[in-house]
Amino acid sequence: MTKKEKAFFDAEGQVNLEQVVEIATALPEAIKKVPVDQLVKLMPAMQEIMAYAKEQGAVEEAPAEGMEDEELTDEEAAAKKEAEVAEEDKPKENFADSKAFKDAVASAVKGEVKRYAEVVTKARNFLDADYDFSDKSANRVMADALSTQSTDKFEDSELPVAFKLLRKPNTDYSHFGDTKADTGLESRITKTLEEK
């Protein structure tokens, strides 16, 4: 038995429901923090769990909005039952195989790749040249870059704003657009004042 499998069993070899419930409870927060590329890999397993739960009746599909149970005549109930049976006989399309799902995943991945590239580009100004970006999430890179300029600790939700406001402390703004070259009159006045 592997270490992961042992986590679900107690000393007597019985399923440790407490551990299962603990993991299931933490799952929504954990999913939010998983990088998109890893989430794509985990999706088939999560779909398999949900399909099994639906087959066992543990999870019911929510009724469509606006659909309310109303009293049906015997003919209407029979027609509804026939429609449900006919629907069950149709081969079900797996949502993970659908074009809409693939487009949504591709769009999300493209957006995350763009965001990560922007974070890395800016973070290079603050991190050492030998900093290893591989296997680090965008939030980890932002946190590391922020730690070079501040001792404050930021929550994951605060990182993008703090990182956006991050500037090098020795930025020289003295030659910004509003300075003028020294004109002849200004140089004569300065020279006259220096002579006195």
C-alpha atoms as a PDB file:
ATOM      1  CA  MET A   1       0.000   0.000   0.000  1.00  0.00           C
ATOM      2  CA  THR A   2       1.407   3.422  -0.918  1.00  0.00           C
ATOM      3  CA  LYS A   3       1.675   6.322   1.523  1.00  0.00           C
ATOM      4  CA  LYS A   4      -1.275   8.066  -0.152  1.00  0.00           C
ATOM      5  CA  GLU A   5      -3.452   4.972   0.139  1.00  0.00           C
ATOM      6  CA  LYS A   6      -2.517   4.512   3.827  1.00  0.00           C
ATOM      7  CA  ALA A   7      -3.846   7.999   4.580  1.00  0.00           C
ATOM      8  CA  PHE A   8      -7.384   6.766   3.960  1.00  0.00           C
ATOM      9  CA  PHE A   9      -7.155   3.737   6.282  1.00  0.00           C
ATOM     10  CA  ASP A  10      -6.934   3.487  10.054  1.00  0.00           C
ATOM     11  CA  ALA A  11      -4.757   1.072  12.058  1.00  0.00           C
ATOM     12  CA  GLU A  12      -7.292  -1.739  11.603  1.00  0.00           C
ATOM     13  CA  GLY A  13      -7.323  -1.381   7.807  1.00  0.00           C
ATOM     14  CA  GLN A  14     -10.781   0.216   7.717  1.00  0.00           C
ATOM     15  CA  VAL A  15     -11.502   3.306   5.647  1.00  0.00           C
ATOM     16  CA  ASN A  16     -10.730   6.414   7.719  1.00  0.00           C
ATOM     17  CA  LEU A  17     -13.839   8.491   6.969  1.00  0.00           C
ATOM     18  CA  GLU A  18     -12.567  11.353   9.109  1.00  0.00           C
ATOM     19  CA  GLN A  19      -9.551  11.753   6.803  1.00  0.00           C
ATOM     20  CA  VAL A  20     -11.744  11.506   3.694  1.00  0.00           C
ATOM     21  CA  VAL A  21     -14.139  14.173   5.017  1.00  0.00           C
ATOM     22  CA  GLU A  22     -11.216  16.421   6.004  1.00  0.00           C
ATOM     23  CA  ILE A  23      -9.757  16.253   2.499  1.00  0.00           C
ATOM     24  CA  ALA A  24     -13.157  16.706   0.845  1.00  0.00           C
ATOM     25  CA  THR A  25     -13.847  19.777   2.989  1.00  0.00           C
ATOM     26  CA  ALA A  26     -10.515  21.391   2.091  1.00  0.00           C
ATOM     27  CA  LEU A  27     -10.873  20.544  -1.610  1.00  0.00           C
ATOM     28  CA  PRO A  28     -12.655  23.755  -2.790  1.00  0.00           C
ATOM     29  CA  GLU A  29      -9.908  26.000  -1.353  1.00  0.00           C
ATOM     30  CA  ALA A  30      -7.191  23.689  -2.645  1.00  0.00           C
ATOM     31  CA  ILE A  31      -8.644  23.757  -6.176  1.00  0.00           C
ATOM     32  CA  LYS A  32      -8.476  27.573  -6.190  1.00  0.00           C
ATOM     33  CA  LYS A  33      -4.719  27.435  -5.584  1.00  0.00           C
ATOM     34  CA  VAL A  34      -3.826  24.712  -8.091  1.00  0.00           C
ATOM     35  CA  PRO A  35      -2.154  26.057 -11.256  1.00  0.00           C
ATOM     36  CA  VAL A  36      -4.297  25.729 -14.388  1.00  0.00           C
ATOM     37  CA  ASP A  37      -1.964  23.246 -16.083  1.00  0.00           C
ATOM     38  CA  GLN A  38      -2.204  20.920 -13.070  1.00  0.00           C
ATOM     39  CA  LEU A  39      -5.978  21.417 -12.850  1.00  0.00           C
ATOM     40  CA  VAL A  40      -6.336  20.202 -16.443  1.00  0.00           C
ATOM     41  CA  LYS A  41      -4.524  16.993 -15.442  1.00  0.00           C
ATOM     42  CA  LEU A  42      -6.744  16.485 -12.367  1.00  0.00           C
ATOM     43  CA  MET A  43     -10.033  17.188 -14.156  1.00  0.00           C
ATOM     44  CA  PRO A  44     -10.671  13.608 -15.434  1.00  0.00           C
ATOM     45  CA  ALA A  45     -10.330  12.179 -11.906  1.00  0.00           C
ATOM     46  CA  MET A  46     -12.708  14.796 -10.476  1.00  0.00           C
ATOM     47  CA  GLN A  47     -15.228  14.108 -13.255  1.00  0.00           C
ATOM     48  CA  GLU A  48     -14.992  10.387 -12.555  1.00  0.00           C
ATOM     49  CA  ILE A  49     -15.742  11.001  -8.852  1.00  0.00           C
ATOM     50  CA  MET A  50     -18.745  13.175  -9.708  1.00  0.00           C
ATOM     51  CA  ALA A  51     -20.064  10.644 -12.252  1.00  0.00           C
ATOM     52  CA  TYR A  52     -19.808   7.859  -9.674  1.00  0.00           C
ATOM     53  CA  ALA A  53     -21.572  10.010  -7.060  1.00  0.00           C
ATOM     54  CA  LYS A  54     -24.407  10.738  -9.505  1.00  0.00           C
ATOM     55  CA  GLU A  55     -24.748   7.044 -10.367  1.00  0.00           C
ATOM     56  CA  GLN A  56     -25.039   6.210  -6.661  1.00  0.00           C
ATOM     57  CA  GLY A  57     -27.612   8.974  -6.141  1.00  0.00           C
ATOM     58  CA  ALA A  58     -25.358  10.880  -3.739  1.00  0.00           C
ATOM     59  CA  VAL A  59     -25.380  13.965  -5.941  1.00  0.00           C
ATOM     60  CA  GLU A  60     -28.489  15.112  -7.695  1.00  0.00           C
ATOM     61  CA  GLU A  61     -28.420  17.421 -10.637  1.00  0.00           C
ATOM     62  CA  ALA A  62     -30.074  20.714  -9.757  1.00  0.00           C
ATOM     63  CA  PRO A  63     -33.384  21.286 -11.550  1.00  0.00           C
ATOM     64  CA  ALA A  64     -33.355  24.007 -14.160  1.00  0.00           C
ATOM     65  CA  GLU A  65     -34.420  27.422 -12.913  1.00  0.00           C
ATOM     66  CA  GLY A  66     -38.073  28.145 -13.369  1.00  0.00           C
ATOM     67  CA  MET A  67     -38.918  24.438 -13.430  1.00  0.00           C
ATOM     68  CA  GLU A  68     -41.162  23.611 -10.543  1.00  0.00           C
ATOM     69  CA  ASP A  69     -42.832  20.368  -9.629  1.00  0.00           C
ATOM     70  CA  GLU A  70     -46.444  20.736 -10.484  1.00  0.00           C
ATOM     71  CA  GLU A  71     -49.161  18.204 -10.506  1.00  0.00           C
ATOM     72  CA  LEU A  72     -49.249  16.377 -13.808  1.00  0.00           C
ATOM     73  CA  THR A  73     -52.050  14.390 -15.308  1.00  0.00           C
ATOM     74  CA  ASP A  74     -51.470  10.692 -15.861  1.00  0.00           C
ATOM     75  CA  GLU A  75     -50.897  11.306 -19.582  1.00  0.00           C
ATOM     76  CA  GLU A  76     -48.385  14.093 -18.930  1.00  0.00           C
ATOM     77  CA  ALA A  77     -46.554  11.989 -16.318  1.00  0.00           C
ATOM     78  CA  ALA A  78     -46.332   9.060 -18.764  1.00  0.00           C
ATOM     79  CA  ALA A  79     -45.044  11.363 -21.518  1.00  0.00           C
ATOM     80  CA  LYS A  80     -42.468  12.841 -19.148  1.00  0.00           C
ATOM     81  CA  LYS A  81     -41.323   9.370 -18.082  1.00  0.00           C
ATOM     82  CA  GLU A  82     -41.008   8.268 -21.744  1.00  0.00           C
ATOM     83  CA  ALA A  83     -38.949  11.373 -22.516  1.00  0.00           C
ATOM     84  CA  GLU A  84     -36.637  10.618 -19.570  1.00  0.00           C
ATOM     85  CA  VAL A  85     -36.194   7.003 -20.719  1.00  0.00           C
ATOM     86  CA  ALA A  86     -35.484   8.147 -24.283  1.00  0.00           C
ATOM     87  CA  GLU A  87     -32.973  10.676 -22.934  1.00  0.00           C
ATOM     88  CA  GLU A  88     -31.218   7.963 -20.916  1.00  0.00           C
ATOM     89  CA  ASP A  89     -30.929   5.766 -24.008  1.00  0.00           C
ATOM     90  CA  LYS A  90     -29.056   8.496 -25.924  1.00  0.00           C
ATOM     91  CA  PRO A  91     -25.281   8.299 -25.670  1.00  0.00           C
ATOM     92  CA  LYS A  92     -24.182  10.983 -23.237  1.00  0.00           C
ATOM     93  CA  GLU A  93     -21.537  13.427 -24.391  1.00  0.00           C
ATOM     94  CA  ASN A  94     -18.784  13.846 -21.879  1.00  0.00           C
ATOM     95  CA  PHE A  95     -18.441  17.567 -21.126  1.00  0.00           C
ATOM     96  CA  ALA A  96     -14.652  17.197 -20.974  1.00  0.00           C
ATOM     97  CA  ASP A  97     -14.716  16.065 -24.602  1.00  0.00           C
ATOM     98  CA  SER A  98     -16.933  18.911 -25.775  1.00  0.00           C
ATOM     99  CA  LYS A  99     -15.663  21.794 -27.876  1.00  0.00           C
ATOM    100  CA  ALA A 100     -16.985  24.341 -25.355  1.00  0.00           C
ATOM    101  CA  PHE A 101     -14.926  22.774 -22.563  1.00  0.00           C
ATOM    102  CA  LYS A 102     -11.788  22.571 -24.686  1.00  0.00           C
ATOM    103  CA  ASP A 103     -12.226  26.200 -25.794  1.00  0.00           C
ATOM    104  CA  ALA A 104     -12.742  27.344 -22.198  1.00  0.00           C
ATOM    105  CA  VAL A 105      -9.650  25.468 -21.023  1.00  0.00           C
ATOM    106  CA  ALA A 106      -7.563  26.793 -23.923  1.00  0.00           C
ATOM    107  CA  SER A 107      -8.718  30.341 -23.200  1.00  0.00           C
ATOM    108  CA  ALA A 108      -7.970  30.004 -19.485  1.00  0.00           C
ATOM    109  CA  VAL A 109      -4.540  28.510 -20.158  1.00  0.00           C
ATOM    110  CA  LYS A 110      -3.732  31.268 -22.655  1.00  0.00           C
ATOM    111  CA  GLY A 111      -4.755  33.924 -20.125  1.00  0.00           C
ATOM    112  CA  GLU A 112      -2.693  32.332 -17.345  1.00  0.00           C
ATOM    113  CA  VAL A 113       0.360  31.970 -19.607  1.00  0.00           C
ATOM    114  CA  LYS A 114       0.118  35.651 -20.546  1.00  0.00           C
ATOM    115  CA  ARG A 115      -0.274  36.668 -16.884  1.00  0.00           C
ATOM    116  CA  TYR A 116       2.684  34.498 -15.853  1.00  0.00           C
ATOM    117  CA  ALA A 117       4.865  35.982 -18.607  1.00  0.00           C
ATOM    118  CA  GLU A 118       3.993  39.514 -17.442  1.00  0.00           C
ATOM    119  CA  VAL A 119       4.815  38.614 -13.840  1.00  0.00           C
ATOM    120  CA  VAL A 120       8.158  37.048 -14.793  1.00  0.00           C
ATOM    121  CA  THR A 121       9.098  40.031 -16.973  1.00  0.00           C
ATOM    122  CA  LYS A 122       8.514  42.499 -14.136  1.00  0.00           C
ATOM    123  CA  ALA A 123       9.930  40.235 -11.416  1.00  0.00           C
ATOM    124  CA  ARG A 124      13.276  39.985 -13.239  1.00  0.00           C
ATOM    125  CA  ASN A 125      13.882  43.634 -12.278  1.00  0.00           C
ATOM    126  CA  PHE A 126      13.771  42.695  -8.583  1.00  0.00           C
ATOM    127  CA  LEU A 127      15.093  39.142  -8.358  1.00  0.00           C
ATOM    128  CA  ASP A 128      18.656  37.869  -8.691  1.00  0.00           C
ATOM    129  CA  ALA A 129      19.857  36.753 -12.103  1.00  0.00           C
ATOM    130  CA  ASP A 130      20.194  33.160 -10.830  1.00  0.00           C
ATOM    131  CA  TYR A 131      16.578  33.000  -9.565  1.00  0.00           C
ATOM    132  CA  ASP A 132      14.888  29.819 -10.829  1.00  0.00           C
ATOM    133  CA  PHE A 133      11.398  30.549 -12.191  1.00  0.00           C
ATOM    134  CA  SER A 134      10.649  26.927 -13.086  1.00  0.00           C
ATOM    135  CA  ASP A 135       7.976  25.128 -11.060  1.00  0.00           C
ATOM    136  CA  LYS A 136       6.919  28.361  -9.345  1.00  0.00           C
ATOM    137  CA  SER A 137       3.420  29.788  -9.577  1.00  0.00           C
ATOM    138  CA  ALA A 138       2.815  33.411 -10.491  1.00  0.00           C
ATOM    139  CA  ASN A 139       1.848  34.128  -6.876  1.00  0.00           C
ATOM    140  CA  ARG A 140       5.110  32.614  -5.587  1.00  0.00           C
ATOM    141  CA  VAL A 141       7.146  34.728  -8.035  1.00  0.00           C
ATOM    142  CA  MET A 142       5.231  37.884  -7.027  1.00  0.00           C
ATOM    143  CA  ALA A 143       5.754  37.106  -3.331  1.00  0.00           C
ATOM    144  CA  ASP A 144       9.483  36.547  -3.859  1.00  0.00           C
ATOM    145  CA  ALA A 145       9.834  39.813  -5.800  1.00  0.00           C
ATOM    146  CA  LEU A 146       7.887  41.714  -3.133  1.00  0.00           C
ATOM    147  CA  SER A 147      10.064  40.239  -0.388  1.00  0.00           C
ATOM    148  CA  THR A 148      13.133  41.890  -1.938  1.00  0.00           C
ATOM    149  CA  GLN A 149      11.576  45.338  -1.426  1.00  0.00           C
ATOM    150  CA  SER A 150       9.420  44.904   1.681  1.00  0.00           C
ATOM    151  CA  THR A 151       9.178  42.850   4.852  1.00  0.00           C
ATOM    152  CA  ASP A 152       5.365  42.895   4.734  1.00  0.00           C
ATOM    153  CA  LYS A 153       3.565  39.608   4.213  1.00  0.00           C
ATOM    154  CA  PHE A 154       0.698  39.622   1.704  1.00  0.00           C
ATOM    155  CA  GLU A 155      -2.292  37.315   1.350  1.00  0.00           C
ATOM    156  CA  ASP A 156      -2.695  35.607  -2.042  1.00  0.00           C
ATOM    157  CA  SER A 157      -5.577  37.953  -2.855  1.00  0.00           C
ATOM    158  CA  GLU A 158      -3.384  41.018  -2.117  1.00  0.00           C
ATOM    159  CA  LEU A 159      -0.372  39.919  -4.168  1.00  0.00           C
ATOM    160  CA  PRO A 160      -1.473  41.185  -7.614  1.00  0.00           C
ATOM    161  CA  VAL A 161      -2.175  44.725  -6.344  1.00  0.00           C
ATOM    162  CA  ALA A 162       0.997  44.923  -4.248  1.00  0.00           C
ATOM    163  CA  PHE A 163       3.047  43.558  -7.134  1.00  0.00           C
ATOM    164  CA  LYS A 164       1.503  46.043  -9.552  1.00  0.00           C
ATOM    165  CA  LEU A 165       2.550  48.911  -7.267  1.00  0.00           C
ATOM    166  CA  LEU A 166       6.082  47.564  -6.891  1.00  0.00           C
ATOM    167  CA  ARG A 167       8.741  50.054  -8.076  1.00  0.00           C
ATOM    168  CA  LYS A 168      12.512  50.131  -7.779  1.00  0.00           C
ATOM    169  CA  PRO A 169      13.422  52.474  -4.882  1.00  0.00           C
ATOM    170  CA  ASN A 170      16.296  54.192  -6.678  1.00  0.00           C
ATOM    171  CA  THR A 171      14.291  55.354  -9.676  1.00  0.00           C
ATOM    172  CA  ASP A 172      15.534  58.766 -10.833  1.00  0.00           C
ATOM    173  CA  TYR A 173      12.746  61.079 -11.929  1.00  0.00           C
ATOM    174  CA  SER A 174      14.911  64.234 -12.149  1.00  0.00           C
ATOM    175  CA  HIS A 175      14.928  64.144 -15.930  1.00  0.00           C
ATOM    176  CA  PHE A 176      11.200  63.618 -16.281  1.00  0.00           C
ATOM    177  CA  GLY A 177       9.454  65.733 -18.951  1.00  0.00           C
ATOM    178  CA  ASP A 178       8.968  68.958 -16.969  1.00  0.00           C
ATOM    179  CA  THR A 179      12.629  70.021 -16.588  1.00  0.00           C
ATOM    180  CA  LYS A 180      13.920  72.623 -19.036  1.00  0.00           C
ATOM    181  CA  ALA A 181      17.306  73.250 -20.444  1.00  0.00           C
ATOM    182  CA  ASP A 182      19.143  76.226 -19.004  1.00  0.00           C
ATOM    183  CA  THR A 183      18.410  79.305 -21.162  1.00  0.00           C
ATOM    184  CA  GLY A 184      20.802  82.187 -21.658  1.00  0.00           C
ATOM    185  CA  LEU A 185      18.892  84.499 -19.282  1.00  0.00           C
ATOM    186  CA  GLU A 186      18.847  81.884 -16.493  1.00  0.00           C
ATOM    187  CA  SER A 187      22.587  81.255 -16.824  1.00  0.00           C
ATOM    188  CA  ARG A 188      23.360  85.035 -16.686  1.00  0.00           C
ATOM    189  CA  ILE A 189      21.218  85.431 -13.555  1.00  0.00           C
ATOM    190  CA  THR A 190      22.862  82.435 -11.917  1.00  0.00           C
ATOM    191  CA  LYS A 191      26.322  83.746 -12.831  1.00  0.00           C
ATOM    192  CA  THR A 192      25.511  87.212 -11.465  1.00  0.00           C
ATOM    193  CA  LEU A 193      24.223  85.762  -8.197  1.00  0.00           C
ATOM    194  CA  GLU A 194      27.320  83.625  -7.779  1.00  0.00           C
ATOM    195  CA  GLU A 195      29.621  86.652  -8.225  1.00  0.00           C
ATOM    196  CA  LYS A 196      28.030  88.566  -5.352  1.00  0.00           C
END
